[in-house]
């Protein structure tokens, strides 16, 4: 019951406030606001064109720079505001693998035979062939501009490829 009385009282006061506001708006004279309207309309607008001759006493207003009012054409750019953004940063590429270790070319020689020379203190001479060339070498001798016979052991010749200092073996087929 108390709520209804309270609501009625609020409605009564609201209606009274609305009536007072409306009566003030109706009874106020239009002459009170006319000064502001006249002052606002008394300054001629530069955009308004009139047929009357311009008044010599009127101040000159600067002209509008209409060329500055035009909008520049849309320029396409790489900045797309709607593109998907990712914060993923790819890991750096792995370093390239090291170059392969240099190797000697395949052994170009064929074993042709061996001879033990008794006149030179029992030195063993080995005969090798490469294509149409033949070589007679002993241990320690350099031959074919890039090879040196290092030793003879258990049916193999150990030959060093001099430019890379790599040891290679050539099978003789005989054992000591």
C-alpha atoms as a PDB file:
ATOM      1  CA  UNK A   1       0.000   0.000   0.000  1.00  0.00           C
ATOM      2  CA  UNK A   2       2.862   2.342   0.796  1.00  0.00           C
ATOM      3  CA  UNK A   3       4.317   1.771  -2.616  1.00  0.00           C
ATOM      4  CA  UNK A   4       1.184   2.918  -4.405  1.00  0.00           C
ATOM      5  CA  UNK A   5       1.021   6.135  -2.453  1.00  0.00           C
ATOM      6  CA  UNK A   6       4.638   6.830  -3.167  1.00  0.00           C
ATOM      7  CA  UNK A   7       4.169   6.221  -6.900  1.00  0.00           C
ATOM      8  CA  UNK A   8       1.148   8.525  -6.968  1.00  0.00           C
ATOM      9  CA  UNK A   9       3.103  11.288  -5.241  1.00  0.00           C
ATOM     10  CA  UNK A  10       5.976  10.997  -7.768  1.00  0.00           C
ATOM     11  CA  UNK A  11       3.550  11.092 -10.684  1.00  0.00           C
ATOM     12  CA  UNK A  12       1.833  14.195  -9.271  1.00  0.00           C
ATOM     13  CA  UNK A  13       5.098  16.098  -8.883  1.00  0.00           C
ATOM     14  CA  UNK A  14       6.295  15.063 -12.349  1.00  0.00           C
ATOM     15  CA  UNK A  15       3.068  16.289 -13.928  1.00  0.00           C
ATOM     16  CA  UNK A  16       3.290  19.561 -12.021  1.00  0.00           C
ATOM     17  CA  UNK A  17       6.909  20.120 -13.190  1.00  0.00           C
ATOM     18  CA  UNK A  18       5.889  19.427 -16.790  1.00  0.00           C
ATOM     19  CA  UNK A  19       3.002  21.890 -16.601  1.00  0.00           C
ATOM     20  CA  UNK A  20       5.226  24.652 -15.173  1.00  0.00           C
ATOM     21  CA  UNK A  21       7.827  24.124 -17.918  1.00  0.00           C
ATOM     22  CA  UNK A  22       5.229  24.236 -20.657  1.00  0.00           C
ATOM     23  CA  UNK A  23       3.654  27.430 -19.319  1.00  0.00           C
ATOM     24  CA  UNK A  24       7.024  29.178 -19.181  1.00  0.00           C
ATOM     25  CA  UNK A  25       7.783  28.213 -22.780  1.00  0.00           C
ATOM     26  CA  UNK A  26       4.422  29.516 -24.006  1.00  0.00           C
ATOM     27  CA  UNK A  27       4.434  32.775 -22.080  1.00  0.00           C
ATOM     28  CA  UNK A  28       7.997  33.816 -22.966  1.00  0.00           C
ATOM     29  CA  UNK A  29       7.966  36.485 -25.685  1.00  0.00           C
ATOM     30  CA  UNK A  30       9.785  35.900 -28.982  1.00  0.00           C
ATOM     31  CA  UNK A  31      11.361  39.375 -28.741  1.00  0.00           C
ATOM     32  CA  UNK A  32      13.727  38.150 -26.028  1.00  0.00           C
ATOM     33  CA  UNK A  33      15.507  35.741 -28.410  1.00  0.00           C
ATOM     34  CA  UNK A  34      15.285  37.879 -31.534  1.00  0.00           C
ATOM     35  CA  UNK A  35      18.503  39.823 -30.768  1.00  0.00           C
ATOM     36  CA  UNK A  36      20.624  36.708 -31.027  1.00  0.00           C
ATOM     37  CA  UNK A  37      19.018  35.737 -34.305  1.00  0.00           C
ATOM     38  CA  UNK A  38      19.477  39.195 -35.820  1.00  0.00           C
ATOM     39  CA  UNK A  39      23.116  39.358 -34.828  1.00  0.00           C
ATOM     40  CA  UNK A  40      23.780  35.980 -36.335  1.00  0.00           C
ATOM     41  CA  UNK A  41      22.067  36.876 -39.596  1.00  0.00           C
ATOM     42  CA  UNK A  42      23.580  40.368 -39.901  1.00  0.00           C
ATOM     43  CA  UNK A  43      27.010  39.088 -41.054  1.00  0.00           C
ATOM     44  CA  UNK A  44      26.860  38.158 -44.753  1.00  0.00           C
ATOM     45  CA  UNK A  45      28.054  34.693 -45.559  1.00  0.00           C
ATOM     46  CA  UNK A  46      30.827  34.533 -48.195  1.00  0.00           C
ATOM     47  CA  UNK A  47      29.240  31.435 -49.716  1.00  0.00           C
ATOM     48  CA  UNK A  48      25.898  33.252 -50.384  1.00  0.00           C
ATOM     49  CA  UNK A  49      25.687  35.008 -53.737  1.00  0.00           C
ATOM     50  CA  UNK A  50      23.477  38.063 -54.088  1.00  0.00           C
ATOM     51  CA  UNK A  51      22.309  39.998 -57.122  1.00  0.00           C
ATOM     52  CA  UNK A  52      22.962  43.327 -55.404  1.00  0.00           C
ATOM     53  CA  UNK A  53      26.128  45.265 -56.114  1.00  0.00           C
ATOM     54  CA  UNK A  54      28.816  44.749 -53.505  1.00  0.00           C
ATOM     55  CA  UNK A  55      28.949  47.434 -50.900  1.00  0.00           C
ATOM     56  CA  UNK A  56      32.171  49.470 -50.975  1.00  0.00           C
ATOM     57  CA  UNK A  57      32.049  49.855 -47.199  1.00  0.00           C
ATOM     58  CA  UNK A  58      31.768  46.095 -46.592  1.00  0.00           C
ATOM     59  CA  UNK A  59      35.022  44.461 -45.534  1.00  0.00           C
ATOM     60  CA  UNK A  60      36.661  42.177 -48.069  1.00  0.00           C
ATOM     61  CA  UNK A  61      36.681  38.575 -46.971  1.00  0.00           C
ATOM     62  CA  UNK A  62      39.436  36.264 -48.185  1.00  0.00           C
ATOM     63  CA  UNK A  63      38.346  33.926 -50.950  1.00  0.00           C
ATOM     64  CA  UNK A  64      38.014  30.245 -50.320  1.00  0.00           C
ATOM     65  CA  UNK A  65      40.811  28.044 -51.652  1.00  0.00           C
ATOM     66  CA  UNK A  66      38.535  25.496 -53.263  1.00  0.00           C
ATOM     67  CA  UNK A  67      41.460  23.572 -54.722  1.00  0.00           C
ATOM     68  CA  UNK A  68      42.455  22.686 -51.159  1.00  0.00           C
ATOM     69  CA  UNK A  69      39.028  21.198 -50.484  1.00  0.00           C
ATOM     70  CA  UNK A  70      39.431  18.386 -52.996  1.00  0.00           C
ATOM     71  CA  UNK A  71      40.402  14.987 -51.685  1.00  0.00           C
ATOM     72  CA  UNK A  72      43.479  13.318 -53.063  1.00  0.00           C
ATOM     73  CA  UNK A  73      42.803  10.060 -54.928  1.00  0.00           C
ATOM     74  CA  UNK A  74      43.067   6.812 -53.006  1.00  0.00           C
ATOM     75  CA  UNK A  75      46.569   5.415 -53.231  1.00  0.00           C
ATOM     76  CA  UNK A  76      46.994   1.668 -53.001  1.00  0.00           C
ATOM     77  CA  UNK A  77      49.627   0.661 -50.516  1.00  0.00           C
ATOM     78  CA  UNK A  78      51.090  -2.465 -49.007  1.00  0.00           C
ATOM     79  CA  UNK A  79      49.600  -1.597 -45.637  1.00  0.00           C
ATOM     80  CA  UNK A  80      46.440  -3.673 -45.528  1.00  0.00           C
ATOM     81  CA  UNK A  81      44.576  -2.931 -42.295  1.00  0.00           C
ATOM     82  CA  UNK A  82      42.611  -6.169 -42.591  1.00  0.00           C
ATOM     83  CA  UNK A  83      45.446  -8.611 -43.195  1.00  0.00           C
ATOM     84  CA  UNK A  84      46.103 -11.340 -40.678  1.00  0.00           C
ATOM     85  CA  UNK A  85      48.947 -10.529 -38.302  1.00  0.00           C
ATOM     86  CA  UNK A  86      51.123 -13.230 -36.893  1.00  0.00           C
ATOM     87  CA  UNK A  87      53.833 -12.891 -34.308  1.00  0.00           C
ATOM     88  CA  UNK A  88      55.554 -16.123 -35.350  1.00  0.00           C
ATOM     89  CA  UNK A  89      59.164 -15.589 -36.312  1.00  0.00           C
ATOM     90  CA  UNK A  90      60.681 -18.382 -38.325  1.00  0.00           C
ATOM     91  CA  UNK A  91      63.899 -19.772 -36.873  1.00  0.00           C
ATOM     92  CA  UNK A  92      67.027 -18.896 -38.809  1.00  0.00           C
ATOM     93  CA  UNK A  93      68.004 -21.277 -41.548  1.00  0.00           C
ATOM     94  CA  UNK A  94      70.501 -23.894 -40.476  1.00  0.00           C
ATOM     95  CA  UNK A  95      74.023 -23.231 -41.643  1.00  0.00           C
ATOM     96  CA  UNK A  96      74.965 -25.013 -44.822  1.00  0.00           C
ATOM     97  CA  UNK A  97      76.730 -28.308 -44.304  1.00  0.00           C
ATOM     98  CA  UNK A  98      80.497 -28.105 -44.456  1.00  0.00           C
ATOM     99  CA  UNK A  99      81.967 -28.950 -47.822  1.00  0.00           C
ATOM    100  CA  UNK A 100      82.983 -32.565 -48.167  1.00  0.00           C
ATOM    101  CA  UNK A 101      86.522 -33.392 -47.245  1.00  0.00           C
ATOM    102  CA  UNK A 102      88.675 -33.472 -50.372  1.00  0.00           C
ATOM    103  CA  UNK A 103      89.626 -36.928 -51.547  1.00  0.00           C
ATOM    104  CA  UNK A 104      92.258 -38.232 -53.865  1.00  0.00           C
ATOM    105  CA  UNK A 105      91.213 -39.395 -57.323  1.00  0.00           C
ATOM    106  CA  UNK A 106      90.873 -43.140 -57.813  1.00  0.00           C
ATOM    107  CA  UNK A 107      94.170 -44.938 -58.206  1.00  0.00           C
ATOM    108  CA  UNK A 108      95.068 -44.662 -61.927  1.00  0.00           C
ATOM    109  CA  UNK A 109      97.859 -47.267 -61.838  1.00  0.00           C
ATOM    110  CA  UNK A 110      97.945 -51.000 -62.464  1.00  0.00           C
ATOM    111  CA  UNK A 111     100.513 -53.224 -60.805  1.00  0.00           C
ATOM    112  CA  UNK A 112     102.671 -54.900 -63.487  1.00  0.00           C
ATOM    113  CA  UNK A 113     105.259 -56.634 -61.335  1.00  0.00           C
ATOM    114  CA  UNK A 114     108.240 -56.233 -59.020  1.00  0.00           C
ATOM    115  CA  UNK A 115     111.960 -57.034 -59.159  1.00  0.00           C
ATOM    116  CA  UNK A 116     114.443 -57.194 -56.333  1.00  0.00           C
ATOM    117  CA  UNK A 117     117.615 -55.457 -57.511  1.00  0.00           C
ATOM    118  CA  UNK A 118     120.655 -57.024 -55.901  1.00  0.00           C
ATOM    119  CA  UNK A 119     123.034 -54.521 -57.437  1.00  0.00           C
ATOM    120  CA  UNK A 120     121.462 -51.653 -55.430  1.00  0.00           C
ATOM    121  CA  UNK A 121     121.533 -53.356 -52.036  1.00  0.00           C
ATOM    122  CA  UNK A 122     118.408 -55.495 -52.357  1.00  0.00           C
ATOM    123  CA  UNK A 123     116.110 -52.652 -53.269  1.00  0.00           C
ATOM    124  CA  UNK A 124     112.735 -53.745 -54.651  1.00  0.00           C
ATOM    125  CA  UNK A 125     111.690 -52.072 -57.879  1.00  0.00           C
ATOM    126  CA  UNK A 126     107.998 -51.976 -58.659  1.00  0.00           C
ATOM    127  CA  UNK A 127     106.634 -51.624 -62.187  1.00  0.00           C
ATOM    128  CA  UNK A 128     103.395 -49.669 -62.603  1.00  0.00           C
ATOM    129  CA  UNK A 129     101.380 -48.782 -65.706  1.00  0.00           C
ATOM    130  CA  UNK A 130      99.041 -45.886 -66.369  1.00  0.00           C
ATOM    131  CA  UNK A 131      97.508 -46.041 -69.823  1.00  0.00           C
ATOM    132  CA  UNK A 132     100.475 -46.180 -72.247  1.00  0.00           C
ATOM    133  CA  UNK A 133     102.960 -44.913 -69.624  1.00  0.00           C
ATOM    134  CA  UNK A 134     104.999 -47.219 -67.400  1.00  0.00           C
ATOM    135  CA  UNK A 135     106.918 -46.376 -64.227  1.00  0.00           C
ATOM    136  CA  UNK A 136     109.769 -48.139 -62.406  1.00  0.00           C
ATOM    137  CA  UNK A 137     109.720 -46.957 -58.769  1.00  0.00           C
ATOM    138  CA  UNK A 138     111.318 -47.874 -55.489  1.00  0.00           C
ATOM    139  CA  UNK A 139     110.214 -46.955 -51.959  1.00  0.00           C
ATOM    140  CA  UNK A 140     110.577 -43.153 -51.541  1.00  0.00           C
ATOM    141  CA  UNK A 141     110.532 -42.333 -55.267  1.00  0.00           C
ATOM    142  CA  UNK A 142     108.164 -39.715 -56.716  1.00  0.00           C
ATOM    143  CA  UNK A 143     106.481 -40.473 -60.016  1.00  0.00           C
ATOM    144  CA  UNK A 144     103.756 -39.215 -62.357  1.00  0.00           C
ATOM    145  CA  UNK A 145     104.151 -35.661 -60.899  1.00  0.00           C
ATOM    146  CA  UNK A 146     101.722 -36.284 -58.028  1.00  0.00           C
ATOM    147  CA  UNK A 147     102.502 -39.655 -56.398  1.00  0.00           C
ATOM    148  CA  UNK A 148     105.167 -41.145 -54.139  1.00  0.00           C
ATOM    149  CA  UNK A 149     105.670 -44.809 -53.200  1.00  0.00           C
ATOM    150  CA  UNK A 150     105.703 -44.900 -49.382  1.00  0.00           C
ATOM    151  CA  UNK A 151     106.105 -48.623 -48.605  1.00  0.00           C
ATOM    152  CA  UNK A 152     105.432 -52.148 -49.720  1.00  0.00           C
ATOM    153  CA  UNK A 153     103.652 -54.360 -47.196  1.00  0.00           C
ATOM    154  CA  UNK A 154     101.743 -57.671 -47.294  1.00  0.00           C
ATOM    155  CA  UNK A 155     100.810 -57.646 -50.937  1.00  0.00           C
ATOM    156  CA  UNK A 156      99.929 -53.962 -51.110  1.00  0.00           C
ATOM    157  CA  UNK A 157     101.691 -50.847 -52.293  1.00  0.00           C
ATOM    158  CA  UNK A 158     101.090 -47.747 -50.125  1.00  0.00           C
ATOM    159  CA  UNK A 159     101.167 -44.717 -52.409  1.00  0.00           C
ATOM    160  CA  UNK A 160     100.788 -41.079 -51.266  1.00  0.00           C
ATOM    161  CA  UNK A 161      98.817 -38.623 -53.386  1.00  0.00           C
ATOM    162  CA  UNK A 162     101.044 -35.562 -52.869  1.00  0.00           C
ATOM    163  CA  UNK A 163      98.665 -32.602 -53.506  1.00  0.00           C
ATOM    164  CA  UNK A 164      96.401 -33.698 -50.613  1.00  0.00           C
ATOM    165  CA  UNK A 165      98.890 -35.896 -48.742  1.00  0.00           C
ATOM    166  CA  UNK A 166      96.445 -38.814 -48.758  1.00  0.00           C
ATOM    167  CA  UNK A 167      97.582 -42.405 -48.590  1.00  0.00           C
ATOM    168  CA  UNK A 168      96.115 -44.945 -51.044  1.00  0.00           C
ATOM    169  CA  UNK A 169      96.760 -48.641 -51.492  1.00  0.00           C
ATOM    170  CA  UNK A 170      97.189 -50.734 -54.608  1.00  0.00           C
ATOM    171  CA  UNK A 171      96.926 -54.488 -54.359  1.00  0.00           C
ATOM    172  CA  UNK A 172      99.822 -56.536 -55.804  1.00  0.00           C
ATOM    173  CA  UNK A 173      98.328 -59.967 -55.355  1.00  0.00           C
ATOM    174  CA  UNK A 174     101.501 -61.454 -53.812  1.00  0.00           C
ATOM    175  CA  UNK A 175     102.488 -61.932 -50.167  1.00  0.00           C
ATOM    176  CA  UNK A 176     105.909 -61.795 -48.583  1.00  0.00           C
END
